[in-house]
Amino acid sequence: MARRSHPSSPNELAITQEQTVLTVTGQEAGEDMDGYLHRGIADRSFQLADHVKLTGAELLNGLLTIGLRHEIPEEMKPHRIEIPAKPETEPEQLETGKEVARGPVTAQSAHGAGP
């Protein structure tokens, strides 16, 4: 009795995608053994990244190939924000180390000494 380890027909496979979970289910019909029908059922789930879409599948010589595409929505893609150029103006020059005197300046008030 020869046993297959892989599906030989696409009818024996089901591929589903729910949000970010891809599930591959295989169902293999067995032989009728003394009135009992034996079926092998296997499934495997894969966690996908956000915005990954199933693009197709192919079964060739028992090898299942699943096509996936990562499609980020346009509004979620990084984009450059332009900074508008303004005409350059001369910044105001402030002199450091000088205080504006209010009222008459005496030798004592200029040096911080009190009366």
PDB file of N, CA and C in Angstrom:
ATOM      1  N   MET A   1       0.844  -1.172   0.000  1.00  0.00           N
ATOM      2  CA  MET A   1       0.000   0.000   0.000  1.00  0.00           C
ATOM      3  C   MET A   1       0.892   1.238   0.000  1.00  0.00           C
ATOM      4  N   ALA A   2       0.790   2.071  -0.997  1.00  0.00           N
ATOM      5  CA  ALA A   2       1.578   3.297  -1.094  1.00  0.00           C
ATOM      6  C   ALA A   2       0.796   4.440  -0.458  1.00  0.00           C
ATOM      7  N   ARG A   3       1.474   5.232   0.329  1.00  0.00           N
ATOM      8  CA  ARG A   3       0.824   6.364   0.992  1.00  0.00           C
ATOM      9  C   ARG A   3       1.431   7.647   0.447  1.00  0.00           C
ATOM     10  N   ARG A   4       0.568   8.580   0.067  1.00  0.00           N
ATOM     11  CA  ARG A   4       1.032   9.876  -0.421  1.00  0.00           C
ATOM     12  C   ARG A   4       1.322  10.777   0.769  1.00  0.00           C
ATOM     13  N   SER A   5       2.382  11.553   0.673  1.00  0.00           N
ATOM     14  CA  SER A   5       2.695  12.492   1.757  1.00  0.00           C
ATOM     15  C   SER A   5       2.298  13.910   1.393  1.00  0.00           C
ATOM     16  N   HIS A   6       1.783  14.090   0.202  1.00  0.00           N
ATOM     17  CA  HIS A   6       1.372  15.423  -0.226  1.00  0.00           C
ATOM     18  C   HIS A   6       0.134  15.307  -1.103  1.00  0.00           C
ATOM     19  N   PRO A   7      -0.667  16.368  -1.144  1.00  0.00           N
ATOM     20  CA  PRO A   7      -1.856  16.324  -1.996  1.00  0.00           C
ATOM     21  C   PRO A   7      -1.469  16.301  -3.464  1.00  0.00           C
ATOM     22  N   SER A   8      -2.233  15.557  -4.245  1.00  0.00           N
ATOM     23  CA  SER A   8      -1.938  15.478  -5.672  1.00  0.00           C
ATOM     24  C   SER A   8      -2.899  16.322  -6.500  1.00  0.00           C
ATOM     25  N   SER A   9      -3.902  16.894  -5.856  1.00  0.00           N
ATOM     26  CA  SER A   9      -4.906  17.657  -6.587  1.00  0.00           C
ATOM     27  C   SER A   9      -5.233  18.941  -5.822  1.00  0.00           C
ATOM     28  N   PRO A  10      -5.440  20.039  -6.536  1.00  0.00           N
ATOM     29  CA  PRO A  10      -5.844  21.279  -5.866  1.00  0.00           C
ATOM     30  C   PRO A  10      -7.180  21.142  -5.134  1.00  0.00           C
ATOM     31  N   ASN A  11      -7.990  20.157  -5.533  1.00  0.00           N
ATOM     32  CA  ASN A  11      -9.272  19.932  -4.857  1.00  0.00           C
ATOM     33  C   ASN A  11      -9.087  19.433  -3.433  1.00  0.00           C
ATOM     34  N   GLU A  12      -7.915  18.937  -3.112  1.00  0.00           N
ATOM     35  CA  GLU A  12      -7.643  18.436  -1.765  1.00  0.00           C
ATOM     36  C   GLU A  12      -7.108  19.525  -0.833  1.00  0.00           C
ATOM     37  N   LEU A  13      -7.004  20.745  -1.336  1.00  0.00           N
ATOM     38  CA  LEU A  13      -6.465  21.848  -0.538  1.00  0.00           C
ATOM     39  C   LEU A  13      -7.460  22.993  -0.443  1.00  0.00           C
ATOM     40  N   ALA A  14      -7.394  23.701   0.672  1.00  0.00           N
ATOM     41  CA  ALA A  14      -8.169  24.933   0.840  1.00  0.00           C
ATOM     42  C   ALA A  14      -7.241  25.968   1.469  1.00  0.00           C
ATOM     43  N   ILE A  15      -7.212  27.155   0.897  1.00  0.00           N
ATOM     44  CA  ILE A  15      -6.389  28.242   1.415  1.00  0.00           C
ATOM     45  C   ILE A  15      -7.329  29.388   1.757  1.00  0.00           C
ATOM     46  N   THR A  16      -7.261  29.847   3.005  1.00  0.00           N
ATOM     47  CA  THR A  16      -8.108  30.960   3.428  1.00  0.00           C
ATOM     48  C   THR A  16      -7.258  32.013   4.123  1.00  0.00           C
ATOM     49  N   GLN A  17      -7.709  33.250   4.017  1.00  0.00           N
ATOM     50  CA  GLN A  17      -7.043  34.351   4.705  1.00  0.00           C
ATOM     51  C   GLN A  17      -8.098  35.154   5.446  1.00  0.00           C
ATOM     52  N   GLU A  18      -7.921  35.281   6.743  1.00  0.00           N
ATOM     53  CA  GLU A  18      -8.771  36.125   7.568  1.00  0.00           C
ATOM     54  C   GLU A  18      -7.873  37.146   8.232  1.00  0.00           C
ATOM     55  N   GLN A  19      -7.992  38.381   7.804  1.00  0.00           N
ATOM     56  CA  GLN A  19      -7.165  39.492   8.271  1.00  0.00           C
ATOM     57  C   GLN A  19      -5.690  39.129   8.146  1.00  0.00           C
ATOM     58  N   THR A  20      -5.001  38.805   9.234  1.00  0.00           N
ATOM     59  CA  THR A  20      -3.566  38.538   9.160  1.00  0.00           C
ATOM     60  C   THR A  20      -3.229  37.055   9.366  1.00  0.00           C
ATOM     61  N   VAL A  21      -4.218  36.177   9.265  1.00  0.00           N
ATOM     62  CA  VAL A  21      -3.964  34.743   9.443  1.00  0.00           C
ATOM     63  C   VAL A  21      -4.252  34.022   8.127  1.00  0.00           C
ATOM     64  N   LEU A  22      -3.236  33.323   7.620  1.00  0.00           N
ATOM     65  CA  LEU A  22      -3.361  32.506   6.414  1.00  0.00           C
ATOM     66  C   LEU A  22      -3.424  31.049   6.858  1.00  0.00           C
ATOM     67  N   THR A  23      -4.455  30.324   6.432  1.00  0.00           N
ATOM     68  CA  THR A  23      -4.616  28.923   6.819  1.00  0.00           C
ATOM     69  C   THR A  23      -4.657  28.058   5.571  1.00  0.00           C
ATOM     70  N   VAL A  24      -3.838  27.012   5.586  1.00  0.00           N
ATOM     71  CA  VAL A  24      -3.810  26.024   4.505  1.00  0.00           C
ATOM     72  C   VAL A  24      -4.325  24.722   5.093  1.00  0.00           C
ATOM     73  N   THR A  25      -5.389  24.195   4.488  1.00  0.00           N
ATOM     74  CA  THR A  25      -5.996  22.956   4.971  1.00  0.00           C
ATOM     75  C   THR A  25      -5.922  21.925   3.863  1.00  0.00           C
ATOM     76  N   GLY A  26      -5.416  20.739   4.205  1.00  0.00           N
ATOM     77  CA  GLY A  26      -5.348  19.630   3.261  1.00  0.00           C
ATOM     78  C   GLY A  26      -6.259  18.511   3.712  1.00  0.00           C
ATOM     79  N   GLN A  27      -6.981  17.943   2.780  1.00  0.00           N
ATOM     80  CA  GLN A  27      -7.887  16.850   3.094  1.00  0.00           C
ATOM     81  C   GLN A  27      -7.631  15.751   2.079  1.00  0.00           C
ATOM     82  N   GLU A  28      -7.149  14.623   2.563  1.00  0.00           N
ATOM     83  CA  GLU A  28      -6.774  13.530   1.672  1.00  0.00           C
ATOM     84  C   GLU A  28      -7.771  12.389   1.824  1.00  0.00           C
ATOM     85  N   ALA A  29      -8.387  12.036   0.733  1.00  0.00           N
ATOM     86  CA  ALA A  29      -9.325  10.915   0.771  1.00  0.00           C
ATOM     87  C   ALA A  29      -8.548   9.611   0.845  1.00  0.00           C
ATOM     88  N   GLY A  30      -8.942   8.744   1.748  1.00  0.00           N
ATOM     89  CA  GLY A  30      -8.259   7.459   1.906  1.00  0.00           C
ATOM     90  C   GLY A  30      -8.996   6.342   1.196  1.00  0.00           C
ATOM     91  N   GLU A  31      -8.545   5.144   1.441  1.00  0.00           N
ATOM     92  CA  GLU A  31      -9.164   3.984   0.808  1.00  0.00           C
ATOM     93  C   GLU A  31     -10.251   3.418   1.714  1.00  0.00           C
ATOM     94  N   ASP A  32     -11.182   2.739   1.123  1.00  0.00           N
ATOM     95  CA  ASP A  32     -12.239   2.085   1.891  1.00  0.00           C
ATOM     96  C   ASP A  32     -11.649   0.819   2.504  1.00  0.00           C
ATOM     97  N   MET A  33     -11.537   0.819   3.834  1.00  0.00           N
ATOM     98  CA  MET A  33     -10.941  -0.331   4.516  1.00  0.00           C
ATOM     99  C   MET A  33     -12.026  -1.005   5.360  1.00  0.00           C
ATOM    100  N   ASP A  34     -12.558  -2.141   4.881  1.00  0.00           N
ATOM    101  CA  ASP A  34     -13.582  -2.916   5.583  1.00  0.00           C
ATOM    102  C   ASP A  34     -14.771  -2.062   6.000  1.00  0.00           C
ATOM    103  N   GLY A  35     -15.253  -1.254   5.100  1.00  0.00           N
ATOM    104  CA  GLY A  35     -16.442  -0.473   5.377  1.00  0.00           C
ATOM    105  C   GLY A  35     -16.164   0.862   6.059  1.00  0.00           C
ATOM    106  N   TYR A  36     -14.921   1.133   6.422  1.00  0.00           N
ATOM    107  CA  TYR A  36     -14.578   2.416   7.049  1.00  0.00           C
ATOM    108  C   TYR A  36     -13.849   3.294   6.041  1.00  0.00           C
ATOM    109  N   LEU A  37     -14.221   4.513   6.013  1.00  0.00           N
ATOM    110  CA  LEU A  37     -13.565   5.456   5.114  1.00  0.00           C
ATOM    111  C   LEU A  37     -12.572   6.262   5.940  1.00  0.00           C
ATOM    112  N   HIS A  38     -11.325   6.207   5.574  1.00  0.00           N
ATOM    113  CA  HIS A  38     -10.280   6.919   6.311  1.00  0.00           C
ATOM    114  C   HIS A  38      -9.926   8.208   5.574  1.00  0.00           C
ATOM    115  N   ARG A  39      -9.896   9.303   6.310  1.00  0.00           N
ATOM    116  CA  ARG A  39      -9.523  10.584   5.709  1.00  0.00           C
ATOM    117  C   ARG A  39      -8.455  11.223   6.590  1.00  0.00           C
ATOM    118  N   GLY A  40      -7.419  11.692   5.954  1.00  0.00           N
ATOM    119  CA  GLY A  40      -6.397  12.448   6.677  1.00  0.00           C
ATOM    120  C   GLY A  40      -6.666  13.937   6.491  1.00  0.00           C
ATOM    121  N   ILE A  41      -6.737  14.676   7.581  1.00  0.00           N
ATOM    122  CA  ILE A  41      -6.987  16.112   7.515  1.00  0.00           C
ATOM    123  C   ILE A  41      -5.858  16.807   8.265  1.00  0.00           C
ATOM    124  N   ALA A  42      -5.283  17.796   7.631  1.00  0.00           N
ATOM    125  CA  ALA A  42      -4.215  18.564   8.270  1.00  0.00           C
ATOM    126  C   ALA A  42      -4.416  20.027   7.925  1.00  0.00           C
ATOM    127  N   ASP A  43      -4.077  20.888   8.854  1.00  0.00           N
ATOM    128  CA  ASP A  43      -4.087  22.310   8.526  1.00  0.00           C
ATOM    129  C   ASP A  43      -2.917  22.998   9.209  1.00  0.00           C
ATOM    130  N   ARG A  44      -2.546  24.102   8.624  1.00  0.00           N
ATOM    131  CA  ARG A  44      -1.421  24.874   9.136  1.00  0.00           C
ATOM    132  C   ARG A  44      -1.774  26.348   8.986  1.00  0.00           C
ATOM    133  N   SER A  45      -1.565  27.115  10.052  1.00  0.00           N
ATOM    134  CA  SER A  45      -1.863  28.549  10.026  1.00  0.00           C
ATOM    135  C   SER A  45      -0.572  29.338  10.120  1.00  0.00           C
ATOM    136  N   PHE A  46      -0.565  30.472   9.430  1.00  0.00           N
ATOM    137  CA  PHE A  46       0.595  31.352   9.400  1.00  0.00           C
ATOM    138  C   PHE A  46       0.143  32.760   9.755  1.00  0.00           C
ATOM    139  N   GLN A  47       0.880  33.406  10.636  1.00  0.00           N
ATOM    140  CA  GLN A  47       0.590  34.795  10.990  1.00  0.00           C
ATOM    141  C   GLN A  47       1.299  35.696   9.983  1.00  0.00           C
ATOM    142  N   LEU A  48       0.535  36.540   9.313  1.00  0.00           N
ATOM    143  CA  LEU A  48       1.089  37.442   8.316  1.00  0.00           C
ATOM    144  C   LEU A  48       1.233  38.841   8.905  1.00  0.00           C
ATOM    145  N   ALA A  49       2.074  39.625   8.311  1.00  0.00           N
ATOM    146  CA  ALA A  49       2.211  41.024   8.708  1.00  0.00           C
ATOM    147  C   ALA A  49       0.963  41.789   8.245  1.00  0.00           C
ATOM    148  N   ASP A  50       0.760  42.948   8.814  1.00  0.00           N
ATOM    149  CA  ASP A  50      -0.358  43.795   8.391  1.00  0.00           C
ATOM    150  C   ASP A  50      -0.205  44.154   6.915  1.00  0.00           C
ATOM    151  N   HIS A  51      -1.304  44.249   6.230  1.00  0.00           N
ATOM    152  CA  HIS A  51      -1.393  44.685   4.832  1.00  0.00           C
ATOM    153  C   HIS A  51      -0.736  43.714   3.845  1.00  0.00           C
ATOM    154  N   VAL A  52      -0.679  42.420   4.197  1.00  0.00           N
ATOM    155  CA  VAL A  52      -0.187  41.400   3.267  1.00  0.00           C
ATOM    156  C   VAL A  52      -1.405  40.751   2.618  1.00  0.00           C
ATOM    157  N   LYS A  53      -1.385  40.683   1.307  1.00  0.00           N
ATOM    158  CA  LYS A  53      -2.519  40.131   0.559  1.00  0.00           C
ATOM    159  C   LYS A  53      -2.083  38.881  -0.196  1.00  0.00           C
ATOM    160  N   LEU A  54      -2.984  37.919  -0.263  1.00  0.00           N
ATOM    161  CA  LEU A  54      -2.782  36.694  -1.021  1.00  0.00           C
ATOM    162  C   LEU A  54      -2.987  37.015  -2.493  1.00  0.00           C
ATOM    163  N   THR A  55      -1.976  36.715  -3.322  1.00  0.00           N
ATOM    164  CA  THR A  55      -2.083  37.037  -4.746  1.00  0.00           C
ATOM    165  C   THR A  55      -2.353  35.818  -5.612  1.00  0.00           C
ATOM    166  N   GLY A  56      -2.150  34.626  -5.073  1.00  0.00           N
ATOM    167  CA  GLY A  56      -2.411  33.426  -5.861  1.00  0.00           C
ATOM    168  C   GLY A  56      -1.744  32.219  -5.241  1.00  0.00           C
ATOM    169  N   ALA A  57      -2.040  31.054  -5.796  1.00  0.00           N
ATOM    170  CA  ALA A  57      -1.454  29.804  -5.318  1.00  0.00           C
ATOM    171  C   ALA A  57      -1.329  28.839  -6.487  1.00  0.00           C
ATOM    172  N   GLU A  58      -0.321  27.957  -6.369  1.00  0.00           N
ATOM    173  CA  GLU A  58      -0.092  26.971  -7.433  1.00  0.00           C
ATOM    174  C   GLU A  58       0.384  25.673  -6.792  1.00  0.00           C
ATOM    175  N   LEU A  59      -0.152  24.559  -7.275  1.00  0.00           N
ATOM    176  CA  LEU A  59       0.270  23.243  -6.823  1.00  0.00           C
ATOM    177  C   LEU A  59       0.912  22.533  -8.006  1.00  0.00           C
ATOM    178  N   LEU A  60       2.212  22.275  -7.904  1.00  0.00           N
ATOM    179  CA  LEU A  60       2.948  21.651  -8.998  1.00  0.00           C
ATOM    180  C   LEU A  60       3.839  20.559  -8.427  1.00  0.00           C
ATOM    181  N   ASN A  61       3.603  19.317  -8.846  1.00  0.00           N
ATOM    182  CA  ASN A  61       4.375  18.160  -8.378  1.00  0.00           C
ATOM    183  C   ASN A  61       4.363  18.042  -6.855  1.00  0.00           C
ATOM    184  N   GLY A  62       3.214  18.346  -6.245  1.00  0.00           N
ATOM    185  CA  GLY A  62       3.076  18.210  -4.801  1.00  0.00           C
ATOM    186  C   GLY A  62       3.626  19.379  -4.000  1.00  0.00           C
ATOM    187  N   LEU A  63       4.160  20.387  -4.674  1.00  0.00           N
ATOM    188  CA  LEU A  63       4.711  21.549  -3.988  1.00  0.00           C
ATOM    189  C   LEU A  63       3.738  22.710  -4.118  1.00  0.00           C
ATOM    190  N   LEU A  64       3.275  23.202  -2.983  1.00  0.00           N
ATOM    191  CA  LEU A  64       2.326  24.312  -2.969  1.00  0.00           C
ATOM    192  C   LEU A  64       3.107  25.616  -2.876  1.00  0.00           C
ATOM    193  N   THR A  65       2.864  26.498  -3.812  1.00  0.00           N
ATOM    194  CA  THR A  65       3.482  27.826  -3.810  1.00  0.00           C
ATOM    195  C   THR A  65       2.376  28.852  -3.625  1.00  0.00           C
ATOM    196  N   ILE A  66       2.538  29.714  -2.629  1.00  0.00           N
ATOM    197  CA  ILE A  66       1.540  30.744  -2.336  1.00  0.00           C
ATOM    198  C   ILE A  66       2.185  32.097  -2.567  1.00  0.00           C
ATOM    199  N   GLY A  67       1.544  32.917  -3.381  1.00  0.00           N
ATOM    200  CA  GLY A  67       2.051  34.259  -3.664  1.00  0.00           C
ATOM    201  C   GLY A  67       1.453  35.270  -2.698  1.00  0.00           C
ATOM    202  N   LEU A  68       2.318  36.089  -2.113  1.00  0.00           N
ATOM    203  CA  LEU A  68       1.885  37.128  -1.178  1.00  0.00           C
ATOM    204  C   LEU A  68       2.465  38.460  -1.611  1.00  0.00           C
ATOM    205  N   ARG A  69       1.732  39.531  -1.323  1.00  0.00           N
ATOM    206  CA  ARG A  69       2.218  40.869  -1.653  1.00  0.00           C
ATOM    207  C   ARG A  69       1.947  41.788  -0.467  1.00  0.00           C
ATOM    208  N   HIS A  70       2.969  42.551  -0.093  1.00  0.00           N
ATOM    209  CA  HIS A  70       2.834  43.526   0.988  1.00  0.00           C
ATOM    210  C   HIS A  70       2.415  44.851   0.374  1.00  0.00           C
ATOM    211  N   GLU A  71       1.182  45.254   0.619  1.00  0.00           N
ATOM    212  CA  GLU A  71       0.635  46.470   0.026  1.00  0.00           C
ATOM    213  C   GLU A  71       0.265  47.448   1.133  1.00  0.00           C
ATOM    214  N   ILE A  72       1.107  48.451   1.337  1.00  0.00           N
ATOM    215  CA  ILE A  72       0.824  49.456   2.350  1.00  0.00           C
ATOM    216  C   ILE A  72      -0.084  50.513   1.732  1.00  0.00           C
ATOM    217  N   PRO A  73      -1.197  50.839   2.405  1.00  0.00           N
ATOM    218  CA  PRO A  73      -2.077  51.881   1.863  1.00  0.00           C
ATOM    219  C   PRO A  73      -1.329  53.204   1.725  1.00  0.00           C
ATOM    220  N   GLU A  74      -1.685  53.964   0.714  1.00  0.00           N
ATOM    221  CA  GLU A  74      -0.988  55.218   0.402  1.00  0.00           C
ATOM    222  C   GLU A  74      -0.952  56.165   1.599  1.00  0.00           C
ATOM    223  N   GLU A  75      -2.060  56.237   2.356  1.00  0.00           N
ATOM    224  CA  GLU A  75      -2.097  57.161   3.488  1.00  0.00           C
ATOM    225  C   GLU A  75      -1.203  56.724   4.646  1.00  0.00           C
ATOM    226  N   MET A  76      -0.719  55.481   4.630  1.00  0.00           N
ATOM    227  CA  MET A  76       0.157  55.007   5.695  1.00  0.00           C
ATOM    228  C   MET A  76       1.633  55.040   5.300  1.00  0.00           C
ATOM    229  N   LYS A  77       1.911  55.325   4.039  1.00  0.00           N
ATOM    230  CA  LYS A  77       3.299  55.381   3.593  1.00  0.00           C
ATOM    231  C   LYS A  77       3.956  56.661   4.117  1.00  0.00           C
ATOM    232  N   PRO A  78       5.243  56.601   4.398  1.00  0.00           N
ATOM    233  CA  PRO A  78       5.921  57.832   4.820  1.00  0.00           C
ATOM    234  C   PRO A  78       5.934  58.838   3.675  1.00  0.00           C
ATOM    235  N   HIS A  79       5.759  60.071   4.024  1.00  0.00           N
ATOM    236  CA  HIS A  79       5.785  61.105   2.991  1.00  0.00           C
ATOM    237  C   HIS A  79       6.549  62.318   3.516  1.00  0.00           C
ATOM    238  N   ARG A  80       7.097  63.046   2.606  1.00  0.00           N
ATOM    239  CA  ARG A  80       7.914  64.203   2.936  1.00  0.00           C
ATOM    240  C   ARG A  80       7.024  65.431   3.075  1.00  0.00           C
ATOM    241  N   ILE A  81       7.275  66.209   4.092  1.00  0.00           N
ATOM    242  CA  ILE A  81       6.533  67.439   4.313  1.00  0.00           C
ATOM    243  C   ILE A  81       7.443  68.589   3.900  1.00  0.00           C
ATOM    244  N   GLU A  82       6.987  69.332   2.920  1.00  0.00           N
ATOM    245  CA  GLU A  82       7.775  70.453   2.423  1.00  0.00           C
ATOM    246  C   GLU A  82       7.670  71.638   3.381  1.00  0.00           C
ATOM    247  N   ILE A  83       8.789  72.299   3.589  1.00  0.00           N
ATOM    248  CA  ILE A  83       8.834  73.500   4.403  1.00  0.00           C
ATOM    249  C   ILE A  83       8.933  74.666   3.446  1.00  0.00           C
ATOM    250  N   PRO A  84       7.922  75.551   3.455  1.00  0.00           N
ATOM    251  CA  PRO A  84       7.956  76.656   2.499  1.00  0.00           C
ATOM    252  C   PRO A  84       9.096  77.621   2.835  1.00  0.00           C
ATOM    253  N   ALA A  85       9.745  78.109   1.805  1.00  0.00           N
ATOM    254  CA  ALA A  85      10.842  79.054   1.991  1.00  0.00           C
ATOM    255  C   ALA A  85      10.265  80.452   2.167  1.00  0.00           C
ATOM    256  N   LYS A  86      10.783  81.160   3.167  1.00  0.00           N
ATOM    257  CA  LYS A  86      10.358  82.540   3.398  1.00  0.00           C
ATOM    258  C   LYS A  86      11.524  83.445   3.031  1.00  0.00           C
ATOM    259  N   PRO A  87      11.219  84.672   2.636  1.00  0.00           N
ATOM    260  CA  PRO A  87      12.319  85.587   2.323  1.00  0.00           C
ATOM    261  C   PRO A  87      13.156  85.812   3.575  1.00  0.00           C
ATOM    262  N   GLU A  88      14.457  85.802   3.361  1.00  0.00           N
ATOM    263  CA  GLU A  88      15.350  85.973   4.508  1.00  0.00           C
ATOM    264  C   GLU A  88      15.347  87.422   4.955  1.00  0.00           C
ATOM    265  N   THR A  89      15.265  87.616   6.255  1.00  0.00           N
ATOM    266  CA  THR A  89      15.356  88.951   6.843  1.00  0.00           C
ATOM    267  C   THR A  89      16.512  88.953   7.812  1.00  0.00           C
ATOM    268  N   GLU A  90      17.073  90.115   8.018  1.00  0.00           N
ATOM    269  CA  GLU A  90      18.188  90.235   8.948  1.00  0.00           C
ATOM    270  C   GLU A  90      17.664  90.071  10.363  1.00  0.00           C
ATOM    271  N   PRO A  91      18.239  89.152  11.134  1.00  0.00           N
ATOM    272  CA  PRO A  91      17.812  89.036  12.525  1.00  0.00           C
ATOM    273  C   PRO A  91      18.279  90.260  13.307  1.00  0.00           C
ATOM    274  N   GLU A  92      17.538  90.618  14.324  1.00  0.00           N
ATOM    275  CA  GLU A  92      17.921  91.762  15.139  1.00  0.00           C
ATOM    276  C   GLU A  92      19.170  91.412  15.918  1.00  0.00           C
ATOM    277  N   GLN A  93      20.112  92.327  15.893  1.00  0.00           N
ATOM    278  CA  GLN A  93      21.361  92.131  16.627  1.00  0.00           C
ATOM    279  C   GLN A  93      21.193  92.698  18.026  1.00  0.00           C
ATOM    280  N   LEU A  94      21.384  91.879  19.005  1.00  0.00           N
ATOM    281  CA  LEU A  94      21.342  92.328  20.386  1.00  0.00           C
ATOM    282  C   LEU A  94      22.764  92.327  20.917  1.00  0.00           C
ATOM    283  N   GLU A  95      23.125  93.378  21.571  1.00  0.00           N
ATOM    284  CA  GLU A  95      24.450  93.436  22.177  1.00  0.00           C
ATOM    285  C   GLU A  95      24.374  92.755  23.518  1.00  0.00           C
ATOM    286  N   THR A  96      25.300  91.878  23.760  1.00  0.00           N
ATOM    287  CA  THR A  96      25.309  91.174  25.034  1.00  0.00           C
ATOM    288  C   THR A  96      26.207  91.896  26.016  1.00  0.00           C
ATOM    289  N   GLY A  97      25.885  91.747  27.269  1.00  0.00           N
ATOM    290  CA  GLY A  97      26.716  92.330  28.320  1.00  0.00           C
ATOM    291  C   GLY A  97      26.385  93.771  28.635  1.00  0.00           C
ATOM    292  N   LYS A  98      25.431  94.356  27.954  1.00  0.00           N
ATOM    293  CA  LYS A  98      25.061  95.737  28.232  1.00  0.00           C
ATOM    294  C   LYS A  98      23.647  95.765  28.755  1.00  0.00           C
ATOM    295  N   GLU A  99      23.436  96.574  29.754  1.00  0.00           N
ATOM    296  CA  GLU A  99      22.110  96.733  30.310  1.00  0.00           C
ATOM    297  C   GLU A  99      21.593  98.103  29.938  1.00  0.00           C
ATOM    298  N   VAL A 100      20.323  98.211  29.859  1.00  0.00           N
ATOM    299  CA  VAL A 100      19.708  99.498  29.589  1.00  0.00           C
ATOM    300  C   VAL A 100      19.575 100.216  30.920  1.00  0.00           C
ATOM    301  N   ALA A 101      20.143 101.357  30.999  1.00  0.00           N
ATOM    302  CA  ALA A 101      20.084 102.123  32.250  1.00  0.00           C
ATOM    303  C   ALA A 101      18.813 102.924  32.291  1.00  0.00           C
ATOM    304  N   ARG A 102      18.213 102.952  33.430  1.00  0.00           N
ATOM    305  CA  ARG A 102      17.009 103.751  33.614  1.00  0.00           C
ATOM    306  C   ARG A 102      17.330 104.800  34.686  1.00  0.00           C
ATOM    307  N   GLY A 103      17.256 105.965  34.286  1.00  0.00           N
ATOM    308  CA  GLY A 103      17.573 107.039  35.221  1.00  0.00           C
ATOM    309  C   GLY A 103      19.058 107.314  35.237  1.00  0.00           C
ATOM    310  N   PRO A 104      19.460 108.213  36.085  1.00  0.00           N
ATOM    311  CA  PRO A 104      20.873 108.569  36.116  1.00  0.00           C
ATOM    312  C   PRO A 104      21.710 107.429  36.669  1.00  0.00           C
ATOM    313  N   VAL A 105      22.857 107.256  36.103  1.00  0.00           N
ATOM    314  CA  VAL A 105      23.769 106.198  36.529  1.00  0.00           C
ATOM    315  C   VAL A 105      24.832 106.837  37.384  1.00  0.00           C
ATOM    316  N   THR A 106      25.020 106.281  38.570  1.00  0.00           N
ATOM    317  CA  THR A 106      26.086 106.764  39.445  1.00  0.00           C
ATOM    318  C   THR A 106      27.134 105.704  39.559  1.00  0.00           C
ATOM    319  N   ALA A 107      28.233 106.007  40.095  1.00  0.00           N
ATOM    320  CA  ALA A 107      29.322 105.053  40.243  1.00  0.00           C
ATOM    321  C   ALA A 107      28.908 103.916  41.135  1.00  0.00           C
ATOM    322  N   GLN A 108      28.104 104.178  42.159  1.00  0.00           N
ATOM    323  CA  GLN A 108      27.694 103.116  43.084  1.00  0.00           C
ATOM    324  C   GLN A 108      26.686 102.204  42.418  1.00  0.00           C
ATOM    325  N   SER A 109      25.687 102.728  41.721  1.00  0.00           N
ATOM    326  CA  SER A 109      24.662 101.870  41.106  1.00  0.00           C
ATOM    327  C   SER A 109      25.211 101.093  39.921  1.00  0.00           C
ATOM    328  N   ALA A 110      26.226 101.646  39.257  1.00  0.00           N
ATOM    329  CA  ALA A 110      26.806 100.942  38.121  1.00  0.00           C
ATOM    330  C   ALA A 110      27.575  99.720  38.576  1.00  0.00           C
ATOM    331  N   HIS A 111      28.164  99.753  39.762  1.00  0.00           N
ATOM    332  CA  HIS A 111      28.940  98.626  40.249  1.00  0.00           C
ATOM    333  C   HIS A 111      28.131  97.743  41.162  1.00  0.00           C
ATOM    334  N   GLY A 112      26.891  98.062  41.380  1.00  0.00           N
ATOM    335  CA  GLY A 112      26.042  97.204  42.198  1.00  0.00           C
ATOM    336  C   GLY A 112      26.197  97.461  43.676  1.00  0.00           C
ATOM    337  N   ALA A 113      26.942  98.470  44.089  1.00  0.00           N
ATOM    338  CA  ALA A 113      27.103  98.747  45.516  1.00  0.00           C
ATOM    339  C   ALA A 113      25.961  99.632  45.965  1.00  0.00           C
ATOM    340  N   GLY A 114      25.408  99.342  47.052  1.00  0.00           N
ATOM    341  CA  GLY A 114      24.278 100.101  47.550  1.00  0.00           C
ATOM    342  C   GLY A 114      24.723 101.216  48.472  1.00  0.00           C
ATOM    343  N   PRO A 115      23.829 102.154  48.841  1.00  0.00           N
ATOM    344  CA  PRO A 115      24.183 103.301  49.704  1.00  0.00           C
ATOM    345  C   PRO A 115      24.462 102.905  51.120  1.00  0.00           C
TER     346      PRO A 115
END
